Amino acid sequence: MTQATKSAKGIMMTDAALKHVLELRDKHGKDLCLRVGVKGGGCSGMSYTMDFEDPANIRPEDEVFDYDGFKVVSDPKSMLYIYGLVLDYSDALIGGGFKFTNPNATQTCGCGTSFSA
């Protein structure tokens, strides 16, 4: 993990995840931040959400984690469920993609994108 990953407390990203997110952002051709959160639904009760957005949309109450100038943002309500989350990425043909490791999850589904807390 990079120094930025170690110093972030609320949402941590592995080097692989950060590299892939930055590549995706560069394809948009804009300076965007990554918003990570949760919503009701999924096979375990709550689903992870993740999308790019304009940094101008960051609200004062949002938690912001800086990775060498790239911002990862989450709303306070989501942070209740994902504080300590580690976001990883694998480019494996089977089982590849983003992986969420959430210390608050009491149960996760087989797909890895929903959980209960």
PDB file of N, CA and C in Angstrom:
ATOM      1  N   MET A   1       0.838  -1.187   0.000  1.00  0.00           N
ATOM      2  CA  MET A   1       0.000   0.000   0.000  1.00  0.00           C
ATOM      3  C   MET A   1       0.887   1.255   0.000  1.00  0.00           C
ATOM      4  N   THR A   2       0.383   2.285  -0.639  1.00  0.00           N
ATOM      5  CA  THR A   2       1.134   3.532  -0.690  1.00  0.00           C
ATOM      6  C   THR A   2       1.021   4.259   0.639  1.00  0.00           C
ATOM      7  N   GLN A   3       1.822   5.278   0.818  1.00  0.00           N
ATOM      8  CA  GLN A   3       1.762   6.088   2.032  1.00  0.00           C
ATOM      9  C   GLN A   3       0.378   6.697   2.192  1.00  0.00           C
ATOM     10  N   ALA A   4      -0.211   7.141   1.064  1.00  0.00           N
ATOM     11  CA  ALA A   4      -1.560   7.723   1.134  1.00  0.00           C
ATOM     12  C   ALA A   4      -2.549   6.689   1.642  1.00  0.00           C
ATOM     13  N   THR A   5      -2.391   5.446   1.205  1.00  0.00           N
ATOM     14  CA  THR A   5      -3.298   4.397   1.641  1.00  0.00           C
ATOM     15  C   THR A   5      -3.164   4.173   3.133  1.00  0.00           C
ATOM     16  N   LYS A   6      -1.947   4.172   3.639  1.00  0.00           N
ATOM     17  CA  LYS A   6      -1.728   3.928   5.061  1.00  0.00           C
ATOM     18  C   LYS A   6      -2.253   5.068   5.927  1.00  0.00           C
ATOM     19  N   SER A   7      -2.171   6.296   5.416  1.00  0.00           N
ATOM     20  CA  SER A   7      -2.560   7.431   6.243  1.00  0.00           C
ATOM     21  C   SER A   7      -4.068   7.674   6.237  1.00  0.00           C
ATOM     22  N   ALA A   8      -4.775   7.149   5.243  1.00  0.00           N
ATOM     23  CA  ALA A   8      -6.228   7.311   5.202  1.00  0.00           C
ATOM     24  C   ALA A   8      -6.856   6.387   6.232  1.00  0.00           C
ATOM     25  N   LYS A   9      -7.891   6.865   6.911  1.00  0.00           N
ATOM     26  CA  LYS A   9      -8.489   6.061   7.963  1.00  0.00           C
ATOM     27  C   LYS A   9      -9.862   5.529   7.589  1.00  0.00           C
ATOM     28  N   GLY A  10     -10.672   6.311   6.961  1.00  0.00           N
ATOM     29  CA  GLY A  10     -12.047   5.913   6.714  1.00  0.00           C
ATOM     30  C   GLY A  10     -12.238   4.984   5.535  1.00  0.00           C
ATOM     31  N   ILE A  11     -11.673   5.317   4.396  1.00  0.00           N
ATOM     32  CA  ILE A  11     -11.724   4.480   3.203  1.00  0.00           C
ATOM     33  C   ILE A  11     -10.300   4.341   2.697  1.00  0.00           C
ATOM     34  N   MET A  12      -9.835   3.099   2.651  1.00  0.00           N
ATOM     35  CA  MET A  12      -8.472   2.841   2.199  1.00  0.00           C
ATOM     36  C   MET A  12      -8.508   2.186   0.830  1.00  0.00           C
ATOM     37  N   MET A  13      -7.527   2.505   0.004  1.00  0.00           N
ATOM     38  CA  MET A  13      -7.433   1.932  -1.334  1.00  0.00           C
ATOM     39  C   MET A  13      -6.078   1.261  -1.503  1.00  0.00           C
ATOM     40  N   THR A  14      -6.088   0.081  -2.096  1.00  0.00           N
ATOM     41  CA  THR A  14      -4.826  -0.562  -2.422  1.00  0.00           C
ATOM     42  C   THR A  14      -4.228   0.155  -3.633  1.00  0.00           C
ATOM     43  N   ASP A  15      -2.960  -0.087  -3.890  1.00  0.00           N
ATOM     44  CA  ASP A  15      -2.315   0.515  -5.056  1.00  0.00           C
ATOM     45  C   ASP A  15      -3.041   0.129  -6.340  1.00  0.00           C
ATOM     46  N   ALA A  16      -3.455  -1.146  -6.442  1.00  0.00           N
ATOM     47  CA  ALA A  16      -4.148  -1.623  -7.647  1.00  0.00           C
ATOM     48  C   ALA A  16      -5.464  -0.888  -7.851  1.00  0.00           C
ATOM     49  N   ALA A  17      -6.223  -0.682  -6.781  1.00  0.00           N
ATOM     50  CA  ALA A  17      -7.502   0.023  -6.892  1.00  0.00           C
ATOM     51  C   ALA A  17      -7.284   1.479  -7.293  1.00  0.00           C
ATOM     52  N   LEU A  18      -6.335   2.123  -6.648  1.00  0.00           N
ATOM     53  CA  LEU A  18      -6.067   3.530  -6.971  1.00  0.00           C
ATOM     54  C   LEU A  18      -5.627   3.683  -8.419  1.00  0.00           C
ATOM     55  N   LYS A  19      -4.753   2.804  -8.872  1.00  0.00           N
ATOM     56  CA  LYS A  19      -4.271   2.862 -10.263  1.00  0.00           C
ATOM     57  C   LYS A  19      -5.430   2.704 -11.235  1.00  0.00           C
ATOM     58  N   HIS A  20      -6.305   1.742 -10.983  1.00  0.00           N
ATOM     59  CA  HIS A  20      -7.420   1.512 -11.895  1.00  0.00           C
ATOM     60  C   HIS A  20      -8.412   2.674 -11.872  1.00  0.00           C
ATOM     61  N   VAL A  21      -8.708   3.195 -10.706  1.00  0.00           N
ATOM     62  CA  VAL A  21      -9.627   4.335 -10.601  1.00  0.00           C
ATOM     63  C   VAL A  21      -9.060   5.541 -11.342  1.00  0.00           C
ATOM     64  N   LEU A  22      -7.770   5.782 -11.191  1.00  0.00           N
ATOM     65  CA  LEU A  22      -7.156   6.920 -11.891  1.00  0.00           C
ATOM     66  C   LEU A  22      -7.201   6.723 -13.407  1.00  0.00           C
ATOM     67  N   GLU A  23      -7.016   5.495 -13.875  1.00  0.00           N
ATOM     68  CA  GLU A  23      -7.119   5.212 -15.308  1.00  0.00           C
ATOM     69  C   GLU A  23      -8.538   5.473 -15.802  1.00  0.00           C
ATOM     70  N   LEU A  24      -9.533   5.035 -15.041  1.00  0.00           N
ATOM     71  CA  LEU A  24     -10.929   5.282 -15.417  1.00  0.00           C
ATOM     72  C   LEU A  24     -11.241   6.775 -15.439  1.00  0.00           C
ATOM     73  N   ARG A  25     -10.755   7.489 -14.430  1.00  0.00           N
ATOM     74  CA  ARG A  25     -10.992   8.940 -14.372  1.00  0.00           C
ATOM     75  C   ARG A  25     -10.360   9.633 -15.575  1.00  0.00           C
ATOM     76  N   ASP A  26      -9.129   9.221 -15.935  1.00  0.00           N
ATOM     77  CA  ASP A  26      -8.442   9.846 -17.067  1.00  0.00           C
ATOM     78  C   ASP A  26      -9.208   9.664 -18.374  1.00  0.00           C
ATOM     79  N   LYS A  27      -9.954   8.555 -18.494  1.00  0.00           N
ATOM     80  CA  LYS A  27     -10.760   8.327 -19.695  1.00  0.00           C
ATOM     81  C   LYS A  27     -11.896   9.347 -19.802  1.00  0.00           C
ATOM     82  N   HIS A  28     -12.353   9.873 -18.669  1.00  0.00           N
ATOM     83  CA  HIS A  28     -13.388  10.905 -18.674  1.00  0.00           C
ATOM     84  C   HIS A  28     -12.824  12.259 -19.109  1.00  0.00           C
ATOM     85  N   GLY A  29     -11.518  12.428 -18.966  1.00  0.00           N
ATOM     86  CA  GLY A  29     -10.884  13.666 -19.387  1.00  0.00           C
ATOM     87  C   GLY A  29     -11.183  14.862 -18.511  1.00  0.00           C
ATOM     88  N   LYS A  30     -11.643  14.614 -17.272  1.00  0.00           N
ATOM     89  CA  LYS A  30     -11.964  15.707 -16.350  1.00  0.00           C
ATOM     90  C   LYS A  30     -11.365  15.404 -14.992  1.00  0.00           C
ATOM     91  N   ASP A  31     -11.241  16.454 -14.178  1.00  0.00           N
ATOM     92  CA  ASP A  31     -10.814  16.283 -12.796  1.00  0.00           C
ATOM     93  C   ASP A  31     -12.033  15.870 -11.985  1.00  0.00           C
ATOM     94  N   LEU A  32     -12.130  14.595 -11.661  1.00  0.00           N
ATOM     95  CA  LEU A  32     -13.276  14.071 -10.926  1.00  0.00           C
ATOM     96  C   LEU A  32     -12.816  13.442  -9.618  1.00  0.00           C
ATOM     97  N   CYS A  33     -13.720  13.364  -8.664  1.00  0.00           N
ATOM     98  CA  CYS A  33     -13.455  12.637  -7.428  1.00  0.00           C
ATOM     99  C   CYS A  33     -14.295  11.359  -7.446  1.00  0.00           C
ATOM    100  N   LEU A  34     -14.016  10.462  -6.534  1.00  0.00           N
ATOM    101  CA  LEU A  34     -14.754   9.208  -6.442  1.00  0.00           C
ATOM    102  C   LEU A  34     -15.635   9.242  -5.208  1.00  0.00           C
ATOM    103  N   ARG A  35     -16.936   9.072  -5.410  1.00  0.00           N
ATOM    104  CA  ARG A  35     -17.859   9.011  -4.281  1.00  0.00           C
ATOM    105  C   ARG A  35     -18.185   7.547  -4.007  1.00  0.00           C
ATOM    106  N   VAL A  36     -17.962   7.140  -2.749  1.00  0.00           N
ATOM    107  CA  VAL A  36     -18.233   5.781  -2.308  1.00  0.00           C
ATOM    108  C   VAL A  36     -19.299   5.863  -1.221  1.00  0.00           C
ATOM    109  N   GLY A  37     -20.270   4.973  -1.283  1.00  0.00           N
ATOM    110  CA  GLY A  37     -21.330   4.988  -0.281  1.00  0.00           C
ATOM    111  C   GLY A  37     -22.080   3.674  -0.245  1.00  0.00           C
ATOM    112  N   VAL A  38     -23.226   3.699   0.399  1.00  0.00           N
ATOM    113  CA  VAL A  38     -24.090   2.527   0.473  1.00  0.00           C
ATOM    114  C   VAL A  38     -25.531   2.955   0.213  1.00  0.00           C
ATOM    115  N   LYS A  39     -26.331   1.992  -0.215  1.00  0.00           N
ATOM    116  CA  LYS A  39     -27.771   2.203  -0.381  1.00  0.00           C
ATOM    117  C   LYS A  39     -28.464   0.905  -0.002  1.00  0.00           C
ATOM    118  N   GLY A  40     -29.722   1.010   0.345  1.00  0.00           N
ATOM    119  CA  GLY A  40     -30.495  -0.176   0.671  1.00  0.00           C
ATOM    120  C   GLY A  40     -30.692  -1.032  -0.561  1.00  0.00           C
ATOM    121  N   GLY A  41     -30.634  -2.352  -0.381  1.00  0.00           N
ATOM    122  CA  GLY A  41     -30.844  -3.268  -1.493  1.00  0.00           C
ATOM    123  C   GLY A  41     -29.747  -4.310  -1.560  1.00  0.00           C
ATOM    124  N   GLY A  42     -29.777  -5.093  -2.601  1.00  0.00           N
ATOM    125  CA  GLY A  42     -28.805  -6.168  -2.737  1.00  0.00           C
ATOM    126  C   GLY A  42     -29.265  -7.398  -1.975  1.00  0.00           C
ATOM    127  N   CYS A  43     -28.601  -8.504  -2.187  1.00  0.00           N
ATOM    128  CA  CYS A  43     -29.055  -9.759  -1.588  1.00  0.00           C
ATOM    129  C   CYS A  43     -28.766  -9.844  -0.092  1.00  0.00           C
ATOM    130  N   SER A  44     -27.941  -8.963   0.462  1.00  0.00           N
ATOM    131  CA  SER A  44     -27.662  -8.987   1.901  1.00  0.00           C
ATOM    132  C   SER A  44     -28.233  -7.790   2.647  1.00  0.00           C
ATOM    133  N   GLY A  45     -28.935  -6.895   1.962  1.00  0.00           N
ATOM    134  CA  GLY A  45     -29.576  -5.772   2.633  1.00  0.00           C
ATOM    135  C   GLY A  45     -29.046  -4.404   2.273  1.00  0.00           C
ATOM    136  N   MET A  46     -27.751  -4.287   2.023  1.00  0.00           N
ATOM    137  CA  MET A  46     -27.161  -3.007   1.637  1.00  0.00           C
ATOM    138  C   MET A  46     -26.192  -3.246   0.484  1.00  0.00           C
ATOM    139  N   SER A  47     -26.130  -2.294  -0.438  1.00  0.00           N
ATOM    140  CA  SER A  47     -25.230  -2.390  -1.582  1.00  0.00           C
ATOM    141  C   SER A  47     -24.238  -1.236  -1.565  1.00  0.00           C
ATOM    142  N   TYR A  48     -23.035  -1.505  -2.024  1.00  0.00           N
ATOM    143  CA  TYR A  48     -22.029  -0.459  -2.175  1.00  0.00           C
ATOM    144  C   TYR A  48     -22.342   0.352  -3.416  1.00  0.00           C
ATOM    145  N   THR A  49     -22.073   1.648  -3.355  1.00  0.00           N
ATOM    146  CA  THR A  49     -22.176   2.515  -4.517  1.00  0.00           C
ATOM    147  C   THR A  49     -20.823   3.172  -4.743  1.00  0.00           C
ATOM    148  N   MET A  50     -20.520   3.415  -5.996  1.00  0.00           N
ATOM    149  CA  MET A  50     -19.237   4.021  -6.324  1.00  0.00           C
ATOM    150  C   MET A  50     -19.389   4.688  -7.687  1.00  0.00           C
ATOM    151  N   ASP A  51     -19.081   5.985  -7.741  1.00  0.00           N
ATOM    152  CA  ASP A  51     -19.198   6.698  -9.004  1.00  0.00           C
ATOM    153  C   ASP A  51     -18.328   7.949  -8.965  1.00  0.00           C
ATOM    154  N   PHE A  52     -17.957   8.403 -10.148  1.00  0.00           N
ATOM    155  CA  PHE A  52     -17.212   9.652 -10.251  1.00  0.00           C
ATOM    156  C   PHE A  52     -18.174  10.819 -10.181  1.00  0.00           C
ATOM    157  N   GLU A  53     -17.690  11.935  -9.643  1.00  0.00           N
ATOM    158  CA  GLU A  53     -18.471  13.163  -9.673  1.00  0.00           C
ATOM    159  C   GLU A  53     -17.546  14.364  -9.626  1.00  0.00           C
ATOM    160  N   ASP A  54     -18.114  15.501  -9.964  1.00  0.00           N
ATOM    161  CA  ASP A  54     -17.378  16.756  -9.958  1.00  0.00           C
ATOM    162  C   ASP A  54     -17.031  17.126  -8.514  1.00  0.00           C
ATOM    163  N   PRO A  55     -15.777  17.515  -8.245  1.00  0.00           N
ATOM    164  CA  PRO A  55     -15.406  17.921  -6.887  1.00  0.00           C
ATOM    165  C   PRO A  55     -16.236  19.085  -6.348  1.00  0.00           C
ATOM    166  N   ALA A  56     -16.861  19.851  -7.225  1.00  0.00           N
ATOM    167  CA  ALA A  56     -17.720  20.956  -6.782  1.00  0.00           C
ATOM    168  C   ALA A  56     -18.947  20.440  -6.024  1.00  0.00           C
ATOM    169  N   ASN A  57     -19.271  19.159  -6.189  1.00  0.00           N
ATOM    170  CA  ASN A  57     -20.425  18.568  -5.513  1.00  0.00           C
ATOM    171  C   ASN A  57     -20.113  18.086  -4.099  1.00  0.00           C
ATOM    172  N   ILE A  58     -18.862  18.194  -3.673  1.00  0.00           N
ATOM    173  CA  ILE A  58     -18.507  17.779  -2.316  1.00  0.00           C
ATOM    174  C   ILE A  58     -19.194  18.713  -1.329  1.00  0.00           C
ATOM    175  N   ARG A  59     -19.950  18.111  -0.410  1.00  0.00           N
ATOM    176  CA  ARG A  59     -20.687  18.895   0.587  1.00  0.00           C
ATOM    177  C   ARG A  59     -19.835  19.072   1.848  1.00  0.00           C
ATOM    178  N   PRO A  60     -20.083  20.108   2.631  1.00  0.00           N
ATOM    179  CA  PRO A  60     -19.296  20.347   3.846  1.00  0.00           C
ATOM    180  C   PRO A  60     -19.322  19.186   4.833  1.00  0.00           C
ATOM    181  N   GLU A  61     -20.426  18.440   4.878  1.00  0.00           N
ATOM    182  CA  GLU A  61     -20.526  17.334   5.825  1.00  0.00           C
ATOM    183  C   GLU A  61     -19.876  16.038   5.319  1.00  0.00           C
ATOM    184  N   ASP A  62     -19.460  15.993   4.058  1.00  0.00           N
ATOM    185  CA  ASP A  62     -18.828  14.796   3.503  1.00  0.00           C
ATOM    186  C   ASP A  62     -17.468  14.527   4.142  1.00  0.00           C
ATOM    187  N   GLU A  63     -17.125  13.259   4.222  1.00  0.00           N
ATOM    188  CA  GLU A  63     -15.778  12.849   4.607  1.00  0.00           C
ATOM    189  C   GLU A  63     -14.951  12.803   3.325  1.00  0.00           C
ATOM    190  N   VAL A  64     -13.764  13.390   3.344  1.00  0.00           N
ATOM    191  CA  VAL A  64     -12.911  13.445   2.162  1.00  0.00           C
ATOM    192  C   VAL A  64     -11.556  12.835   2.508  1.00  0.00           C
ATOM    193  N   PHE A  65     -11.126  11.891   1.672  1.00  0.00           N
ATOM    194  CA  PHE A  65      -9.834  11.235   1.856  1.00  0.00           C
ATOM    195  C   PHE A  65      -8.992  11.528   0.637  1.00  0.00           C
ATOM    196  N   ASP A  66      -7.797  12.051   0.857  1.00  0.00           N
ATOM    197  CA  ASP A  66      -6.938  12.491  -0.229  1.00  0.00           C
ATOM    198  C   ASP A  66      -5.884  11.436  -0.532  1.00  0.00           C
ATOM    199  N   TYR A  67      -5.770  11.091  -1.800  1.00  0.00           N
ATOM    200  CA  TYR A  67      -4.751  10.162  -2.285  1.00  0.00           C
ATOM    201  C   TYR A  67      -3.891  10.906  -3.298  1.00  0.00           C
ATOM    202  N   ASP A  68      -2.885  11.605  -2.797  1.00  0.00           N
ATOM    203  CA  ASP A  68      -1.971  12.376  -3.641  1.00  0.00           C
ATOM    204  C   ASP A  68      -2.722  13.278  -4.621  1.00  0.00           C
ATOM    205  N   GLY A  69      -3.724  13.982  -4.126  1.00  0.00           N
ATOM    206  CA  GLY A  69      -4.483  14.912  -4.948  1.00  0.00           C
ATOM    207  C   GLY A  69      -5.794  14.356  -5.468  1.00  0.00           C
ATOM    208  N   PHE A  70      -5.965  13.049  -5.480  1.00  0.00           N
ATOM    209  CA  PHE A  70      -7.230  12.438  -5.899  1.00  0.00           C
ATOM    210  C   PHE A  70      -8.096  12.249  -4.666  1.00  0.00           C
ATOM    211  N   LYS A  71      -9.330  12.719  -4.740  1.00  0.00           N
ATOM    212  CA  LYS A  71     -10.208  12.689  -3.568  1.00  0.00           C
ATOM    213  C   LYS A  71     -11.220  11.542  -3.641  1.00  0.00           C
ATOM    214  N   VAL A  72     -11.334  10.845  -2.520  1.00  0.00           N
ATOM    215  CA  VAL A  72     -12.369   9.834  -2.328  1.00  0.00           C
ATOM    216  C   VAL A  72     -13.318  10.418  -1.287  1.00  0.00           C
ATOM    217  N   VAL A  73     -14.618  10.441  -1.597  1.00  0.00           N
ATOM    218  CA  VAL A  73     -15.603  11.153  -0.802  1.00  0.00           C
ATOM    219  C   VAL A  73     -16.715  10.193  -0.375  1.00  0.00           C
ATOM    220  N   SER A  74     -17.249  10.420   0.832  1.00  0.00           N
ATOM    221  CA  SER A  74     -18.393   9.644   1.288  1.00  0.00           C
ATOM    222  C   SER A  74     -19.259  10.507   2.204  1.00  0.00           C
ATOM    223  N   ASP A  75     -20.547  10.253   2.170  1.00  0.00           N
ATOM    224  CA  ASP A  75     -21.455  10.994   3.046  1.00  0.00           C
ATOM    225  C   ASP A  75     -21.408  10.389   4.453  1.00  0.00           C
ATOM    226  N   PRO A  76     -21.765  11.174   5.472  1.00  0.00           N
ATOM    227  CA  PRO A  76     -21.667  10.709   6.863  1.00  0.00           C
ATOM    228  C   PRO A  76     -22.510   9.465   7.159  1.00  0.00           C
ATOM    229  N   LYS A  77     -23.682   9.358   6.553  1.00  0.00           N
ATOM    230  CA  LYS A  77     -24.542   8.199   6.799  1.00  0.00           C
ATOM    231  C   LYS A  77     -23.889   6.915   6.286  1.00  0.00           C
ATOM    232  N   SER A  78     -23.305   6.977   5.105  1.00  0.00           N
ATOM    233  CA  SER A  78     -22.610   5.803   4.558  1.00  0.00           C
ATOM    234  C   SER A  78     -21.408   5.433   5.412  1.00  0.00           C
ATOM    235  N   MET A  79     -20.724   6.451   5.932  1.00  0.00           N
ATOM    236  CA  MET A  79     -19.526   6.181   6.735  1.00  0.00           C
ATOM    237  C   MET A  79     -19.850   5.359   7.979  1.00  0.00           C
ATOM    238  N   LEU A  80     -21.084   5.437   8.476  1.00  0.00           N
ATOM    239  CA  LEU A  80     -21.477   4.618   9.617  1.00  0.00           C
ATOM    240  C   LEU A  80     -21.335   3.134   9.299  1.00  0.00           C
ATOM    241  N   TYR A  81     -21.504   2.779   8.023  1.00  0.00           N
ATOM    242  CA  TYR A  81     -21.470   1.384   7.607  1.00  0.00           C
ATOM    243  C   TYR A  81     -20.158   0.958   6.958  1.00  0.00           C
ATOM    244  N   ILE A  82     -19.380   1.930   6.457  1.00  0.00           N
ATOM    245  CA  ILE A  82     -18.179   1.544   5.697  1.00  0.00           C
ATOM    246  C   ILE A  82     -16.875   2.079   6.277  1.00  0.00           C
ATOM    247  N   TYR A  83     -16.905   2.662   7.464  1.00  0.00           N
ATOM    248  CA  TYR A  83     -15.670   3.185   8.041  1.00  0.00           C
ATOM    249  C   TYR A  83     -14.657   2.042   8.178  1.00  0.00           C
ATOM    250  N   GLY A  84     -13.470   2.237   7.631  1.00  0.00           N
ATOM    251  CA  GLY A  84     -12.433   1.202   7.653  1.00  0.00           C
ATOM    252  C   GLY A  84     -12.422   0.343   6.401  1.00  0.00           C
ATOM    253  N   LEU A  85     -13.299   0.650   5.432  1.00  0.00           N
ATOM    254  CA  LEU A  85     -13.393  -0.099   4.187  1.00  0.00           C
ATOM    255  C   LEU A  85     -12.058  -0.091   3.442  1.00  0.00           C
ATOM    256  N   VAL A  86     -11.694  -1.240   2.882  1.00  0.00           N
ATOM    257  CA  VAL A  86     -10.534  -1.327   2.000  1.00  0.00           C
ATOM    258  C   VAL A  86     -11.050  -1.666   0.612  1.00  0.00           C
ATOM    259  N   LEU A  87     -10.742  -0.813  -0.347  1.00  0.00           N
ATOM    260  CA  LEU A  87     -11.139  -1.014  -1.732  1.00  0.00           C
ATOM    261  C   LEU A  87      -9.946  -1.564  -2.489  1.00  0.00           C
ATOM    262  N   ASP A  88     -10.128  -2.733  -3.113  1.00  0.00           N
ATOM    263  CA  ASP A  88      -9.059  -3.386  -3.870  1.00  0.00           C
ATOM    264  C   ASP A  88      -9.559  -3.614  -5.293  1.00  0.00           C
ATOM    265  N   TYR A  89      -8.630  -3.936  -6.202  1.00  0.00           N
ATOM    266  CA  TYR A  89      -8.987  -4.208  -7.582  1.00  0.00           C
ATOM    267  C   TYR A  89      -8.123  -5.337  -8.110  1.00  0.00           C
ATOM    268  N   SER A  90      -8.745  -6.209  -8.863  1.00  0.00           N
ATOM    269  CA  SER A  90      -8.020  -7.301  -9.518  1.00  0.00           C
ATOM    270  C   SER A  90      -8.466  -7.350 -10.970  1.00  0.00           C
ATOM    271  N   ASP A  91      -7.516  -7.587 -11.878  1.00  0.00           N
ATOM    272  CA  ASP A  91      -7.878  -7.702 -13.292  1.00  0.00           C
ATOM    273  C   ASP A  91      -7.937  -9.163 -13.738  1.00  0.00           C
ATOM    274  N   ALA A  92      -8.124 -10.074 -12.789  1.00  0.00           N
ATOM    275  CA  ALA A  92      -8.260 -11.493 -13.110  1.00  0.00           C
ATOM    276  C   ALA A  92      -9.498 -11.716 -13.987  1.00  0.00           C
ATOM    277  N   LEU A  93      -9.413 -12.668 -14.902  1.00  0.00           N
ATOM    278  CA  LEU A  93     -10.534 -12.945 -15.793  1.00  0.00           C
ATOM    279  C   LEU A  93     -11.739 -13.481 -15.032  1.00  0.00           C
ATOM    280  N   ILE A  94     -11.489 -14.303 -14.030  1.00  0.00           N
ATOM    281  CA  ILE A  94     -12.571 -14.834 -13.206  1.00  0.00           C
ATOM    282  C   ILE A  94     -12.431 -14.229 -11.815  1.00  0.00           C
ATOM    283  N   GLY A  95     -13.478 -13.590 -11.362  1.00  0.00           N
ATOM    284  CA  GLY A  95     -13.446 -12.979 -10.033  1.00  0.00           C
ATOM    285  C   GLY A  95     -12.755 -11.633  -9.983  1.00  0.00           C
ATOM    286  N   GLY A  96     -12.487 -11.045 -11.141  1.00  0.00           N
ATOM    287  CA  GLY A  96     -11.821  -9.747 -11.177  1.00  0.00           C
ATOM    288  C   GLY A  96     -12.785  -8.607 -10.921  1.00  0.00           C
ATOM    289  N   GLY A  97     -12.240  -7.420 -10.810  1.00  0.00           N
ATOM    290  CA  GLY A  97     -13.034  -6.224 -10.568  1.00  0.00           C
ATOM    291  C   GLY A  97     -12.725  -5.640  -9.206  1.00  0.00           C
ATOM    292  N   PHE A  98     -13.560  -4.729  -8.765  1.00  0.00           N
ATOM    293  CA  PHE A  98     -13.366  -4.108  -7.463  1.00  0.00           C
ATOM    294  C   PHE A  98     -13.824  -5.050  -6.367  1.00  0.00           C
ATOM    295  N   LYS A  99     -13.084  -5.054  -5.272  1.00  0.00           N
ATOM    296  CA  LYS A  99     -13.426  -5.881  -4.113  1.00  0.00           C
ATOM    297  C   LYS A  99     -13.501  -4.972  -2.897  1.00  0.00           C
ATOM    298  N   PHE A 100     -14.592  -5.099  -2.146  1.00  0.00           N
ATOM    299  CA  PHE A 100     -14.812  -4.315  -0.941  1.00  0.00           C
ATOM    300  C   PHE A 100     -14.556  -5.196   0.276  1.00  0.00           C
ATOM    301  N   THR A 101     -13.625  -4.786   1.126  1.00  0.00           N
ATOM    302  CA  THR A 101     -13.391  -5.481   2.388  1.00  0.00           C
ATOM    303  C   THR A 101     -13.830  -4.534   3.493  1.00  0.00           C
ATOM    304  N   ASN A 102     -14.968  -4.874   4.102  1.00  0.00           N
ATOM    305  CA  ASN A 102     -15.610  -3.987   5.062  1.00  0.00           C
ATOM    306  C   ASN A 102     -15.580  -4.616   6.451  1.00  0.00           C
ATOM    307  N   PRO A 103     -14.852  -4.015   7.396  1.00  0.00           N
ATOM    308  CA  PRO A 103     -14.781  -4.581   8.741  1.00  0.00           C
ATOM    309  C   PRO A 103     -16.102  -4.508   9.502  1.00  0.00           C
ATOM    310  N   ASN A 104     -17.068  -3.721   9.006  1.00  0.00           N
ATOM    311  CA  ASN A 104     -18.364  -3.566   9.663  1.00  0.00           C
ATOM    312  C   ASN A 104     -19.405  -4.566   9.180  1.00  0.00           C
ATOM    313  N   ALA A 105     -19.109  -5.287   8.115  1.00  0.00           N
ATOM    314  CA  ALA A 105     -20.078  -6.212   7.545  1.00  0.00           C
ATOM    315  C   ALA A 105     -20.185  -7.468   8.412  1.00  0.00           C
ATOM    316  N   THR A 106     -21.406  -7.800   8.798  1.00  0.00           N
ATOM    317  CA  THR A 106     -21.632  -9.029   9.559  1.00  0.00           C
ATOM    318  C   THR A 106     -21.940 -10.184   8.629  1.00  0.00           C
ATOM    319  N   GLN A 107     -22.357  -9.868   7.395  1.00  0.00           N
ATOM    320  CA  GLN A 107     -22.657 -10.879   6.403  1.00  0.00           C
ATOM    321  C   GLN A 107     -22.439 -10.251   5.033  1.00  0.00           C
ATOM    322  N   THR A 108     -21.871 -11.016   4.119  1.00  0.00           N
ATOM    323  CA  THR A 108     -21.696 -10.541   2.756  1.00  0.00           C
ATOM    324  C   THR A 108     -22.297 -11.553   1.796  1.00  0.00           C
ATOM    325  N   CYS A 109     -22.587 -11.106   0.591  1.00  0.00           N
ATOM    326  CA  CYS A 109     -23.158 -12.013  -0.402  1.00  0.00           C
ATOM    327  C   CYS A 109     -22.035 -12.597  -1.245  1.00  0.00           C
ATOM    328  N   GLY A 110     -22.373 -13.549  -2.057  1.00  0.00           N
ATOM    329  CA  GLY A 110     -21.386 -14.202  -2.912  1.00  0.00           C
ATOM    330  C   GLY A 110     -20.797 -13.283  -3.969  1.00  0.00           C
ATOM    331  N   CYS A 111     -21.575 -12.303  -4.416  1.00  0.00           N
ATOM    332  CA  CYS A 111     -21.073 -11.400  -5.459  1.00  0.00           C
ATOM    333  C   CYS A 111     -20.121 -10.351  -4.890  1.00  0.00           C
ATOM    334  N   GLY A 112     -20.161 -10.133  -3.591  1.00  0.00           N
ATOM    335  CA  GLY A 112     -19.233  -9.189  -2.961  1.00  0.00           C
ATOM    336  C   GLY A 112     -19.635  -7.739  -3.047  1.00  0.00           C
ATOM    337  N   THR A 113     -20.824  -7.460  -3.563  1.00  0.00           N
ATOM    338  CA  THR A 113     -21.237  -6.054  -3.687  1.00  0.00           C
ATOM    339  C   THR A 113     -22.338  -5.672  -2.726  1.00  0.00           C
ATOM    340  N   SER A 114     -22.801  -6.613  -1.899  1.00  0.00           N
ATOM    341  CA  SER A 114     -23.783  -6.240  -0.882  1.00  0.00           C
ATOM    342  C   SER A 114     -23.412  -6.901   0.443  1.00  0.00           C
ATOM    343  N   PHE A 115     -23.965  -6.331   1.521  1.00  0.00           N
ATOM    344  CA  PHE A 115     -23.600  -6.773   2.854  1.00  0.00           C
ATOM    345  C   PHE A 115     -24.695  -6.402   3.824  1.00  0.00           C
ATOM    346  N   SER A 116     -24.576  -6.926   5.038  1.00  0.00           N
ATOM    347  CA  SER A 116     -25.424  -6.464   6.133  1.00  0.00           C
ATOM    348  C   SER A 116     -24.512  -6.101   7.297  1.00  0.00           C
ATOM    349  N   ALA A 117     -24.964  -5.158   8.094  1.00  0.00           N
ATOM    350  CA  ALA A 117     -24.138  -4.689   9.217  1.00  0.00           C
ATOM    351  C   ALA A 117     -24.947  -4.695  10.496  1.00  0.00           C
TER     352      ALA A 117
END
